[in-house]
C-alpha cells in the first residue's frame, strides 16, 4: 500500500502532464481521478510492473501500443523509455482520450458510463474488439465478447477478465 506522500506525488504528476481532457469529463480533477484509478488497477502504481501478458510499467503498455501512441498519436520521432513514469502518464492519457473519442464516435448514443467502460475494455482488449461488439450487439457485454471470441476462433478476449470491473 502506498503512503499519502507517494499518492500526492502521483496525483501531482497527473495534474502536470494531463493538459486536455475529453469532453465526457466535467473537469480535470474527475479525469485525473479516472486515470489514477485505472493505473492503480493496471499496476498498483508500480513503475516496474510487468504483467503475465508482457505489458510494462505504471500504466501497463504492450510495446506495440506504446509505439503507436508515441509515433502515431503524439507524432514523436523518438520513443521514450517504457519505464519512464511521466511518459507512461502522457501515453495513458493520450491513449484513453483516443479510445474515448473512438468509442463515442462509433456509438454516439451510449450513456457516459458505457462509453467509459467500453474505453477501458478497449485499453485492455483492443479497440477492434470493442468496435466489433458495438457494431454487432450495440453494446459491449459478456455475450458480445463471447460472440467475438467464437466468430474469430480466438481464446481472447476472455470475458472473465472483463467481469472483474
N, C-alpha and C. Protein backbone atom coordinates (compact mmCIF):
# COMPACT_ATOMS: atom_id res chain seq x y z
N UNK A 1 0.84 -1.19 0.00
CA UNK A 1 0.00 0.00 0.00
C UNK A 1 0.88 1.25 0.00
N UNK A 2 0.49 2.21 -0.75
CA UNK A 2 1.26 3.44 -0.85
C UNK A 2 0.91 4.39 0.28
N UNK A 3 1.89 5.16 0.70
CA UNK A 3 1.61 6.15 1.72
C UNK A 3 1.06 7.42 1.06
N UNK A 4 0.61 8.35 1.90
CA UNK A 4 -0.02 9.57 1.38
C UNK A 4 0.96 10.43 0.60
N UNK A 5 2.22 10.38 0.94
CA UNK A 5 3.23 11.17 0.22
C UNK A 5 3.35 10.69 -1.21
N UNK A 6 3.41 9.37 -1.41
CA UNK A 6 3.51 8.80 -2.75
C UNK A 6 2.24 9.09 -3.55
N UNK A 7 1.09 8.95 -2.92
CA UNK A 7 -0.19 9.24 -3.57
C UNK A 7 -0.22 10.70 -4.05
N UNK A 8 0.22 11.60 -3.21
CA UNK A 8 0.24 13.02 -3.57
C UNK A 8 1.20 13.29 -4.73
N UNK A 9 2.35 12.62 -4.74
CA UNK A 9 3.31 12.84 -5.83
C UNK A 9 2.76 12.30 -7.16
N UNK A 10 2.06 11.16 -7.13
CA UNK A 10 1.45 10.61 -8.35
C UNK A 10 0.36 11.56 -8.84
N UNK A 11 -0.47 12.04 -7.94
CA UNK A 11 -1.54 12.97 -8.31
C UNK A 11 -0.95 14.24 -8.93
N UNK A 12 0.12 14.75 -8.35
CA UNK A 12 0.77 15.95 -8.90
C UNK A 12 1.33 15.69 -10.30
N UNK A 13 1.91 14.51 -10.52
CA UNK A 13 2.40 14.16 -11.85
C UNK A 13 1.26 14.17 -12.88
N UNK A 14 0.14 13.59 -12.51
CA UNK A 14 -1.01 13.59 -13.41
C UNK A 14 -1.45 15.02 -13.71
N UNK A 15 -1.54 15.84 -12.67
CA UNK A 15 -2.01 17.22 -12.87
C UNK A 15 -1.05 18.01 -13.75
N UNK A 16 0.24 17.73 -13.67
CA UNK A 16 1.22 18.40 -14.52
C UNK A 16 1.13 17.94 -15.97
N UNK A 17 0.95 16.65 -16.20
CA UNK A 17 1.06 16.07 -17.53
C UNK A 17 -0.24 16.04 -18.32
N UNK A 18 -1.37 16.03 -17.65
CA UNK A 18 -2.66 15.98 -18.33
C UNK A 18 -3.09 17.41 -18.63
N UNK A 19 -3.01 17.78 -19.90
CA UNK A 19 -3.30 19.16 -20.27
C UNK A 19 -4.69 19.36 -20.87
N UNK A 20 -5.20 18.36 -21.55
CA UNK A 20 -6.53 18.46 -22.15
C UNK A 20 -7.35 17.27 -21.68
N UNK A 21 -8.64 17.52 -21.48
CA UNK A 21 -9.50 16.43 -21.04
C UNK A 21 -10.57 16.13 -22.09
N UNK A 22 -10.99 14.86 -22.19
CA UNK A 22 -12.08 14.54 -23.11
C UNK A 22 -13.37 15.24 -22.67
N UNK A 23 -14.22 15.56 -23.61
CA UNK A 23 -15.47 16.28 -23.32
C UNK A 23 -16.39 15.54 -22.36
N UNK A 24 -16.23 14.24 -22.27
CA UNK A 24 -17.10 13.41 -21.42
C UNK A 24 -16.88 13.71 -19.91
N UNK A 25 -15.74 14.31 -19.58
CA UNK A 25 -15.45 14.66 -18.19
C UNK A 25 -15.78 16.12 -17.92
N UNK A 26 -16.34 16.37 -16.75
CA UNK A 26 -16.75 17.74 -16.41
C UNK A 26 -15.55 18.63 -16.10
N UNK A 27 -14.52 18.04 -15.49
CA UNK A 27 -13.36 18.85 -15.14
C UNK A 27 -12.11 17.98 -15.06
N UNK A 28 -10.99 18.64 -14.94
CA UNK A 28 -9.70 17.95 -14.94
C UNK A 28 -9.55 17.02 -13.73
N UNK A 29 -10.06 17.43 -12.57
CA UNK A 29 -9.93 16.59 -11.37
C UNK A 29 -10.63 15.25 -11.55
N UNK A 30 -11.81 15.25 -12.19
CA UNK A 30 -12.52 13.99 -12.44
C UNK A 30 -11.73 13.09 -13.37
N UNK A 31 -11.15 13.69 -14.41
CA UNK A 31 -10.38 12.91 -15.38
C UNK A 31 -9.10 12.36 -14.74
N UNK A 32 -8.44 13.18 -13.95
CA UNK A 32 -7.23 12.73 -13.25
C UNK A 32 -7.57 11.58 -12.31
N UNK A 33 -8.67 11.68 -11.59
CA UNK A 33 -9.09 10.60 -10.69
C UNK A 33 -9.37 9.31 -11.47
N UNK A 34 -10.01 9.44 -12.63
CA UNK A 34 -10.28 8.30 -13.50
C UNK A 34 -8.97 7.64 -13.94
N UNK A 35 -8.02 8.43 -14.43
CA UNK A 35 -6.74 7.89 -14.88
C UNK A 35 -5.95 7.27 -13.73
N UNK A 36 -5.99 7.90 -12.58
CA UNK A 36 -5.28 7.35 -11.41
C UNK A 36 -5.88 6.00 -11.00
N UNK A 37 -7.21 5.91 -11.01
CA UNK A 37 -7.86 4.64 -10.66
C UNK A 37 -7.50 3.56 -11.67
N UNK A 38 -7.47 3.95 -12.95
CA UNK A 38 -7.11 2.99 -13.99
C UNK A 38 -5.68 2.49 -13.82
N UNK A 39 -4.73 3.39 -13.61
CA UNK A 39 -3.34 2.97 -13.47
C UNK A 39 -3.13 2.16 -12.19
N UNK A 40 -3.88 2.48 -11.14
CA UNK A 40 -3.77 1.68 -9.92
C UNK A 40 -4.27 0.26 -10.18
N UNK A 41 -5.36 0.14 -10.93
CA UNK A 41 -5.90 -1.18 -11.28
C UNK A 41 -4.92 -1.94 -12.18
N UNK A 42 -4.29 -1.23 -13.09
CA UNK A 42 -3.35 -1.85 -14.03
C UNK A 42 -2.10 -2.40 -13.34
N UNK A 43 -1.49 -1.58 -12.47
CA UNK A 43 -0.17 -1.95 -11.93
C UNK A 43 -0.02 -1.79 -10.43
N UNK A 44 -1.06 -1.31 -9.76
CA UNK A 44 -0.90 -0.99 -8.35
C UNK A 44 0.05 0.19 -8.16
N UNK A 45 0.19 1.00 -9.23
CA UNK A 45 1.11 2.15 -9.29
C UNK A 45 2.56 1.72 -9.13
N UNK A 46 2.84 0.53 -9.60
CA UNK A 46 4.21 0.01 -9.57
C UNK A 46 4.86 0.32 -10.91
N UNK A 47 5.84 1.19 -10.90
CA UNK A 47 6.51 1.64 -12.12
C UNK A 47 7.28 0.52 -12.82
N UNK A 48 7.61 -0.53 -12.09
CA UNK A 48 8.40 -1.63 -12.65
C UNK A 48 7.57 -2.88 -12.94
N UNK A 49 6.26 -2.73 -12.90
CA UNK A 49 5.36 -3.85 -13.08
C UNK A 49 5.43 -4.43 -14.50
N UNK A 50 5.38 -5.77 -14.58
CA UNK A 50 5.28 -6.48 -15.85
C UNK A 50 4.16 -7.51 -15.67
N UNK A 51 3.16 -7.44 -16.54
CA UNK A 51 2.03 -8.37 -16.43
C UNK A 51 2.37 -9.73 -17.01
N UNK A 52 1.48 -10.69 -16.79
CA UNK A 52 1.67 -12.03 -17.36
C UNK A 52 1.67 -12.00 -18.88
N UNK A 53 1.03 -10.99 -19.46
CA UNK A 53 0.97 -10.88 -20.92
C UNK A 53 2.08 -10.00 -21.49
N UNK A 54 2.96 -9.50 -20.61
CA UNK A 54 4.10 -8.72 -21.08
C UNK A 54 3.90 -7.21 -21.10
N UNK A 55 2.76 -6.73 -20.63
CA UNK A 55 2.55 -5.28 -20.55
C UNK A 55 3.45 -4.72 -19.47
N UNK A 56 3.97 -3.52 -19.73
CA UNK A 56 5.01 -2.99 -18.85
C UNK A 56 4.68 -1.62 -18.28
N UNK A 57 5.20 -1.40 -17.08
CA UNK A 57 5.19 -0.07 -16.49
C UNK A 57 3.95 0.29 -15.71
N UNK A 58 3.96 1.52 -15.30
CA UNK A 58 2.95 2.14 -14.46
C UNK A 58 1.53 2.00 -15.03
N UNK A 59 1.39 2.21 -16.34
CA UNK A 59 0.07 2.16 -16.98
C UNK A 59 -0.09 0.91 -17.87
N UNK A 60 0.87 -0.01 -17.78
CA UNK A 60 0.79 -1.33 -18.43
C UNK A 60 0.56 -1.26 -19.94
N UNK A 61 1.60 -0.94 -20.68
CA UNK A 61 1.53 -0.88 -22.14
C UNK A 61 2.23 -2.07 -22.78
N UNK A 62 1.61 -2.59 -23.84
CA UNK A 62 2.31 -3.51 -24.73
C UNK A 62 3.25 -2.63 -25.55
N UNK A 63 4.36 -3.18 -25.98
CA UNK A 63 5.33 -2.40 -26.74
C UNK A 63 4.73 -1.84 -28.03
N UNK A 64 3.88 -2.62 -28.71
CA UNK A 64 3.27 -2.15 -29.97
C UNK A 64 2.33 -0.96 -29.72
N UNK A 65 1.58 -1.01 -28.65
CA UNK A 65 0.69 0.11 -28.31
C UNK A 65 1.50 1.32 -27.90
N UNK A 66 2.58 1.09 -27.15
CA UNK A 66 3.48 2.17 -26.73
C UNK A 66 4.02 2.91 -27.96
N UNK A 67 4.47 2.15 -28.94
CA UNK A 67 4.99 2.76 -30.17
C UNK A 67 3.90 3.50 -30.92
N UNK A 68 2.71 2.90 -31.00
CA UNK A 68 1.58 3.54 -31.68
C UNK A 68 1.26 4.89 -31.05
N UNK A 69 1.18 4.93 -29.74
CA UNK A 69 0.84 6.18 -29.05
C UNK A 69 1.89 7.25 -29.33
N UNK A 70 3.17 6.89 -29.18
CA UNK A 70 4.23 7.90 -29.34
C UNK A 70 4.47 8.29 -30.79
N UNK A 71 4.40 7.36 -31.71
CA UNK A 71 4.66 7.66 -33.12
C UNK A 71 3.44 8.25 -33.82
N UNK A 72 2.29 7.60 -33.67
CA UNK A 72 1.09 7.98 -34.43
C UNK A 72 0.26 9.06 -33.75
N UNK A 73 -0.03 8.86 -32.46
CA UNK A 73 -0.91 9.82 -31.79
C UNK A 73 -0.17 11.08 -31.35
N UNK A 74 1.03 10.92 -30.80
CA UNK A 74 1.79 12.07 -30.32
C UNK A 74 2.78 12.60 -31.35
N UNK A 75 2.98 11.83 -32.42
CA UNK A 75 3.86 12.23 -33.54
C UNK A 75 5.29 12.59 -33.09
N UNK A 76 5.85 11.74 -32.25
CA UNK A 76 7.23 11.91 -31.79
C UNK A 76 8.16 11.08 -32.65
N UNK A 77 9.29 11.63 -32.95
CA UNK A 77 10.32 10.88 -33.69
C UNK A 77 10.95 9.83 -32.78
N UNK A 78 11.27 10.25 -31.58
CA UNK A 78 11.93 9.35 -30.61
C UNK A 78 10.90 8.85 -29.60
N UNK A 79 10.99 7.58 -29.31
CA UNK A 79 10.08 6.98 -28.34
C UNK A 79 10.79 6.91 -26.99
N UNK A 80 10.16 7.48 -25.94
CA UNK A 80 10.80 7.42 -24.63
C UNK A 80 10.79 6.00 -24.04
N UNK A 81 11.55 5.81 -23.01
CA UNK A 81 11.60 4.54 -22.32
C UNK A 81 10.21 4.19 -21.78
N UNK A 82 9.83 2.94 -21.95
CA UNK A 82 8.54 2.47 -21.46
C UNK A 82 8.50 2.49 -19.92
N UNK A 83 9.65 2.63 -19.29
CA UNK A 83 9.74 2.64 -17.83
C UNK A 83 9.65 4.04 -17.24
N UNK A 84 9.62 5.05 -18.07
CA UNK A 84 9.55 6.45 -17.61
C UNK A 84 8.13 6.76 -17.15
N UNK A 85 7.96 7.07 -15.87
CA UNK A 85 6.61 7.26 -15.32
C UNK A 85 5.89 8.45 -15.96
N UNK A 86 6.60 9.55 -16.22
CA UNK A 86 5.95 10.69 -16.87
C UNK A 86 5.50 10.32 -18.28
N UNK A 87 6.33 9.58 -19.00
CA UNK A 87 5.97 9.14 -20.35
C UNK A 87 4.76 8.19 -20.29
N UNK A 88 4.70 7.35 -19.26
CA UNK A 88 3.56 6.44 -19.09
C UNK A 88 2.27 7.23 -18.87
N UNK A 89 2.34 8.27 -18.04
CA UNK A 89 1.15 9.08 -17.77
C UNK A 89 0.70 9.81 -19.03
N UNK A 90 1.63 10.37 -19.76
CA UNK A 90 1.29 11.06 -21.02
C UNK A 90 0.67 10.08 -22.01
N UNK A 91 1.27 8.90 -22.13
CA UNK A 91 0.76 7.89 -23.07
C UNK A 91 -0.61 7.37 -22.63
N UNK A 92 -0.78 7.12 -21.35
CA UNK A 92 -2.07 6.63 -20.84
C UNK A 92 -3.16 7.66 -21.13
N UNK A 93 -2.89 8.90 -20.80
CA UNK A 93 -3.86 9.98 -21.02
C UNK A 93 -4.18 10.11 -22.51
N UNK A 94 -3.17 10.10 -23.34
CA UNK A 94 -3.36 10.26 -24.79
C UNK A 94 -4.15 9.08 -25.36
N UNK A 95 -3.79 7.88 -24.97
CA UNK A 95 -4.45 6.69 -25.48
C UNK A 95 -5.90 6.61 -25.00
N UNK A 96 -6.15 6.92 -23.73
CA UNK A 96 -7.52 6.89 -23.22
C UNK A 96 -8.37 7.94 -23.92
N UNK A 97 -7.82 9.11 -24.15
CA UNK A 97 -8.55 10.15 -24.88
C UNK A 97 -8.91 9.66 -26.29
N UNK A 98 -7.96 9.02 -26.95
CA UNK A 98 -8.17 8.45 -28.27
C UNK A 98 -9.27 7.39 -28.24
N UNK A 99 -9.23 6.49 -27.25
CA UNK A 99 -10.23 5.42 -27.14
C UNK A 99 -11.61 5.97 -26.81
N UNK A 100 -11.69 6.91 -25.89
CA UNK A 100 -12.97 7.52 -25.54
C UNK A 100 -13.60 8.18 -26.76
N UNK A 101 -12.79 8.91 -27.51
CA UNK A 101 -13.30 9.56 -28.73
C UNK A 101 -13.74 8.54 -29.77
N UNK A 102 -12.96 7.46 -29.93
CA UNK A 102 -13.30 6.42 -30.91
C UNK A 102 -14.60 5.72 -30.54
N UNK A 103 -14.77 5.37 -29.27
CA UNK A 103 -16.00 4.70 -28.83
C UNK A 103 -17.19 5.65 -28.96
N UNK A 104 -17.01 6.91 -28.58
CA UNK A 104 -18.10 7.90 -28.68
C UNK A 104 -18.52 8.11 -30.12
N UNK A 105 -17.56 8.11 -31.01
CA UNK A 105 -17.84 8.30 -32.44
C UNK A 105 -18.57 7.08 -33.03
N UNK A 106 -18.14 5.89 -32.61
CA UNK A 106 -18.73 4.64 -33.11
C UNK A 106 -20.19 4.51 -32.67
N UNK A 107 -20.47 4.87 -31.44
CA UNK A 107 -21.81 4.71 -30.86
C UNK A 107 -22.15 5.95 -30.04
N UNK A 108 -22.53 7.06 -30.70
CA UNK A 108 -22.70 8.34 -30.01
C UNK A 108 -23.84 8.37 -28.98
N UNK A 109 -24.77 7.43 -29.05
CA UNK A 109 -25.90 7.44 -28.12
C UNK A 109 -25.64 6.65 -26.84
N UNK A 110 -24.46 6.07 -26.71
CA UNK A 110 -24.15 5.32 -25.49
C UNK A 110 -24.12 6.25 -24.29
N UNK A 111 -24.64 5.80 -23.15
CA UNK A 111 -24.52 6.60 -21.93
C UNK A 111 -23.05 6.74 -21.52
N UNK A 112 -22.75 7.77 -20.75
CA UNK A 112 -21.39 8.08 -20.31
C UNK A 112 -20.69 6.87 -19.69
N UNK A 113 -21.36 6.17 -18.80
CA UNK A 113 -20.75 5.02 -18.12
C UNK A 113 -20.39 3.91 -19.11
N UNK A 114 -21.23 3.70 -20.11
CA UNK A 114 -20.94 2.68 -21.13
C UNK A 114 -19.75 3.08 -21.99
N UNK A 115 -19.65 4.37 -22.30
CA UNK A 115 -18.51 4.86 -23.07
C UNK A 115 -17.22 4.63 -22.29
N UNK A 116 -17.24 4.96 -21.01
CA UNK A 116 -16.04 4.78 -20.18
C UNK A 116 -15.71 3.30 -20.01
N UNK A 117 -16.72 2.47 -19.75
CA UNK A 117 -16.48 1.03 -19.58
C UNK A 117 -15.94 0.43 -20.88
N UNK A 118 -16.53 0.81 -22.01
CA UNK A 118 -16.08 0.30 -23.30
C UNK A 118 -14.66 0.76 -23.62
N UNK A 119 -14.34 1.99 -23.25
CA UNK A 119 -12.99 2.52 -23.48
C UNK A 119 -11.96 1.78 -22.63
N UNK A 120 -12.32 1.48 -21.39
CA UNK A 120 -11.42 0.70 -20.54
C UNK A 120 -11.23 -0.71 -21.09
N UNK A 121 -12.30 -1.29 -21.62
CA UNK A 121 -12.17 -2.61 -22.24
C UNK A 121 -11.29 -2.55 -23.47
N UNK A 122 -11.40 -1.47 -24.23
CA UNK A 122 -10.55 -1.30 -25.42
C UNK A 122 -9.10 -1.14 -25.01
N UNK A 123 -8.83 -0.47 -23.90
CA UNK A 123 -7.47 -0.29 -23.40
C UNK A 123 -6.84 -1.65 -23.12
N UNK A 124 -7.64 -2.56 -22.61
CA UNK A 124 -7.12 -3.89 -22.24
C UNK A 124 -7.28 -4.94 -23.33
N UNK A 125 -8.34 -4.88 -24.10
CA UNK A 125 -8.62 -5.94 -25.06
C UNK A 125 -8.48 -5.54 -26.51
N UNK A 126 -8.31 -4.26 -26.77
CA UNK A 126 -8.17 -3.78 -28.13
C UNK A 126 -9.41 -3.07 -28.64
N UNK A 127 -9.20 -1.99 -29.34
CA UNK A 127 -10.31 -1.20 -29.87
C UNK A 127 -11.12 -1.99 -30.89
N UNK A 128 -10.48 -2.82 -31.69
CA UNK A 128 -11.22 -3.58 -32.71
C UNK A 128 -12.23 -4.53 -32.07
N UNK A 129 -11.91 -5.08 -30.92
CA UNK A 129 -12.84 -5.97 -30.21
C UNK A 129 -14.07 -5.18 -29.78
N UNK A 130 -13.84 -4.03 -29.20
CA UNK A 130 -14.94 -3.19 -28.71
C UNK A 130 -15.79 -2.69 -29.89
N UNK A 131 -15.14 -2.26 -30.96
CA UNK A 131 -15.88 -1.80 -32.14
C UNK A 131 -16.74 -2.91 -32.72
N UNK A 132 -16.21 -4.14 -32.77
CA UNK A 132 -16.97 -5.27 -33.27
C UNK A 132 -18.19 -5.51 -32.38
N UNK A 133 -18.00 -5.50 -31.08
CA UNK A 133 -19.12 -5.72 -30.15
C UNK A 133 -20.20 -4.64 -30.32
N UNK A 134 -19.77 -3.39 -30.46
CA UNK A 134 -20.74 -2.30 -30.64
C UNK A 134 -21.49 -2.45 -31.97
N UNK A 135 -20.77 -2.83 -33.00
CA UNK A 135 -21.39 -2.97 -34.32
C UNK A 135 -22.41 -4.09 -34.35
N UNK A 136 -22.08 -5.24 -33.78
CA UNK A 136 -22.96 -6.40 -33.88
C UNK A 136 -23.92 -6.57 -32.72
N UNK A 137 -23.67 -5.90 -31.61
CA UNK A 137 -24.53 -6.05 -30.44
C UNK A 137 -25.06 -4.71 -29.92
N UNK A 138 -24.45 -3.61 -30.32
CA UNK A 138 -24.87 -2.30 -29.84
C UNK A 138 -24.34 -1.97 -28.45
N UNK A 139 -23.67 -2.92 -27.85
CA UNK A 139 -23.11 -2.72 -26.52
C UNK A 139 -21.99 -3.73 -26.32
N UNK A 140 -21.08 -3.41 -25.43
CA UNK A 140 -20.02 -4.35 -25.08
C UNK A 140 -20.50 -5.10 -23.85
N UNK A 141 -20.67 -6.40 -24.01
CA UNK A 141 -21.18 -7.22 -22.91
C UNK A 141 -20.46 -8.55 -22.93
N UNK A 142 -20.71 -9.34 -21.91
CA UNK A 142 -20.12 -10.68 -21.86
C UNK A 142 -20.58 -11.50 -23.06
N UNK A 143 -21.85 -11.37 -23.43
CA UNK A 143 -22.38 -12.12 -24.58
C UNK A 143 -21.70 -11.66 -25.87
N UNK A 144 -21.54 -10.35 -26.02
CA UNK A 144 -20.87 -9.83 -27.22
C UNK A 144 -19.42 -10.29 -27.28
N UNK A 145 -18.73 -10.29 -26.14
CA UNK A 145 -17.35 -10.75 -26.11
C UNK A 145 -17.25 -12.24 -26.45
N UNK A 146 -18.21 -13.04 -25.96
CA UNK A 146 -18.26 -14.46 -26.30
C UNK A 146 -18.46 -14.65 -27.80
N UNK A 147 -19.39 -13.89 -28.37
CA UNK A 147 -19.64 -13.98 -29.81
C UNK A 147 -18.39 -13.60 -30.60
N UNK A 148 -17.70 -12.56 -30.15
CA UNK A 148 -16.47 -12.16 -30.84
C UNK A 148 -15.46 -13.30 -30.81
N UNK A 149 -15.27 -13.86 -29.64
CA UNK A 149 -14.31 -14.96 -29.49
C UNK A 149 -14.69 -16.14 -30.37
N UNK A 150 -15.96 -16.49 -30.37
CA UNK A 150 -16.41 -17.64 -31.16
C UNK A 150 -16.31 -17.37 -32.66
N UNK A 151 -16.64 -16.17 -33.09
CA UNK A 151 -16.61 -15.88 -34.52
C UNK A 151 -15.20 -15.65 -35.05
N UNK A 152 -14.27 -15.33 -34.16
CA UNK A 152 -12.89 -15.09 -34.59
C UNK A 152 -11.96 -16.24 -34.22
N UNK A 153 -12.54 -17.35 -33.77
CA UNK A 153 -11.76 -18.55 -33.44
C UNK A 153 -10.57 -18.21 -32.55
N UNK A 154 -10.87 -17.46 -31.52
CA UNK A 154 -9.82 -16.96 -30.65
C UNK A 154 -10.17 -17.27 -29.20
N UNK A 155 -9.17 -17.39 -28.39
CA UNK A 155 -9.41 -17.55 -26.96
C UNK A 155 -9.32 -16.20 -26.27
N UNK A 156 -9.15 -15.14 -27.05
CA UNK A 156 -9.04 -13.81 -26.48
C UNK A 156 -10.02 -12.91 -27.18
N UNK A 157 -10.72 -12.04 -26.52
CA UNK A 157 -10.61 -11.74 -25.11
C UNK A 157 -11.37 -12.73 -24.23
N UNK A 158 -10.92 -12.90 -23.05
CA UNK A 158 -11.56 -13.77 -22.08
C UNK A 158 -12.57 -12.94 -21.31
N UNK A 159 -13.84 -13.29 -21.44
CA UNK A 159 -14.86 -12.48 -20.78
C UNK A 159 -14.69 -12.46 -19.27
N UNK A 160 -14.07 -13.48 -18.70
CA UNK A 160 -13.83 -13.47 -17.25
C UNK A 160 -12.94 -12.32 -16.84
N UNK A 161 -12.02 -11.93 -17.71
CA UNK A 161 -11.14 -10.80 -17.44
C UNK A 161 -11.97 -9.52 -17.29
N UNK A 162 -13.02 -9.39 -18.11
CA UNK A 162 -13.82 -8.17 -18.12
C UNK A 162 -14.85 -8.15 -17.01
N UNK A 163 -15.17 -9.31 -16.45
CA UNK A 163 -16.15 -9.37 -15.36
C UNK A 163 -15.61 -8.80 -14.07
N UNK A 164 -14.31 -8.59 -13.99
CA UNK A 164 -13.68 -8.10 -12.76
C UNK A 164 -13.90 -6.61 -12.54
N UNK A 165 -14.50 -5.89 -13.50
CA UNK A 165 -14.70 -4.44 -13.37
C UNK A 165 -15.61 -4.13 -12.23
